[in-house]
Protein backbone atom coordinates (compact mmCIF):
# COMPACT_ATOMS: atom_id res chain seq x y z
CA MET A 1 75.70 129.08 147.63
CA HIS A 2 78.04 129.43 144.70
CA ASP A 3 80.61 131.38 147.11
CA SER A 4 80.70 128.03 149.44
CA GLN A 5 81.04 125.37 146.00
CA ASN A 6 84.09 127.84 145.38
CA LEU A 7 85.44 127.27 148.87
CA SER A 8 84.78 123.81 149.01
CA ALA A 9 86.61 123.59 145.38
CA THR A 10 89.53 125.05 146.93
CA ALA A 11 89.53 122.97 150.06
CA THR A 12 89.38 119.61 147.97
CA SER A 13 92.01 120.99 145.66
CA PHE A 14 94.31 121.82 148.76
CA ASN A 15 94.09 118.63 150.49
CA ARG A 16 94.78 116.81 147.19
CA THR A 17 98.32 118.77 146.91
CA LEU A 18 99.02 118.29 150.74
CA SER A 19 98.15 114.84 149.72
CA LEU A 20 101.03 114.81 147.17
CA LEU A 21 103.49 116.81 148.57
CA LYS A 22 104.08 114.05 151.90
CA GLY A 23 104.25 111.49 148.98
CA LEU A 24 106.62 113.13 147.29
CA PRO A 25 109.38 111.38 149.19
CA PHE A 26 108.20 108.26 149.32
CA ASP A 27 107.66 108.92 145.05
CA MET A 28 111.15 110.05 144.22
CA ALA A 29 112.31 106.90 146.19
CA ARG A 30 110.74 104.89 143.68
CA GLU A 31 112.00 106.91 140.58
CA HIS A 32 115.76 106.55 141.81
CA TYR A 33 114.89 103.16 142.09
CA ALA A 34 113.19 102.33 138.61
CA ARG A 35 116.44 104.45 137.48
CA ALA A 36 119.29 102.68 138.68
CA VAL A 37 117.52 99.71 137.46
CA GLN A 38 117.67 101.39 134.13
CA VAL A 39 121.00 102.24 134.23
CA GLY A 40 122.51 98.91 135.43
CA LEU A 41 122.89 99.28 139.22
CA ILE A 42 119.96 97.19 140.61
CA GLU A 43 119.09 93.99 139.08
CA ARG A 44 116.07 93.99 136.43
CA SER A 45 113.66 91.87 138.51
CA MET A 46 109.61 91.86 139.48
CA LEU A 47 110.13 89.83 142.77
CA GLY A 48 113.01 92.55 143.93
CA TRP A 49 110.67 95.71 142.38
CA ALA A 50 107.77 94.11 144.20
CA ARG A 51 109.48 93.79 147.78
CA PHE A 52 111.09 97.44 147.41
CA GLU A 53 107.49 98.55 147.37
CA ARG A 54 105.94 97.22 149.70
CA HIS A 55 108.90 98.34 152.02
CA MET A 56 108.05 101.94 150.98
CA ASP A 57 104.50 101.30 151.59
CA LEU A 58 105.30 100.30 155.17
CA LEU A 59 107.69 103.25 155.71
CA GLU A 60 104.91 105.57 154.41
CA LYS A 61 102.28 104.26 156.66
CA MET A 62 104.70 104.29 159.56
CA THR A 63 106.26 107.55 158.36
CA LEU A 64 102.81 109.44 158.11
CA GLY A 65 99.92 107.40 159.67
CA PRO A 66 96.45 108.66 159.04
CA TRP A 67 97.87 110.92 156.81
CA ALA A 68 99.81 107.83 154.22
CA ARG A 69 98.06 107.24 150.49
CA ARG A 70 95.71 104.41 150.49
CA VAL A 71 95.76 102.48 147.59
């Protein structure tokens, strides 16, 4: 019983790691956008950020399909 619990915990951790790795390119794009705003390359705008975030969410869902992260 103890071994099966360890295996289950390992599988859960592995799945979480894969999920994070699949989302990494999208998280990096979000980080680059935020940095561009900080240095003044992109105008600071809540509407602009919301539009960008919607596009990133759609791109992630189109790219990863059923493996895309859910909020």
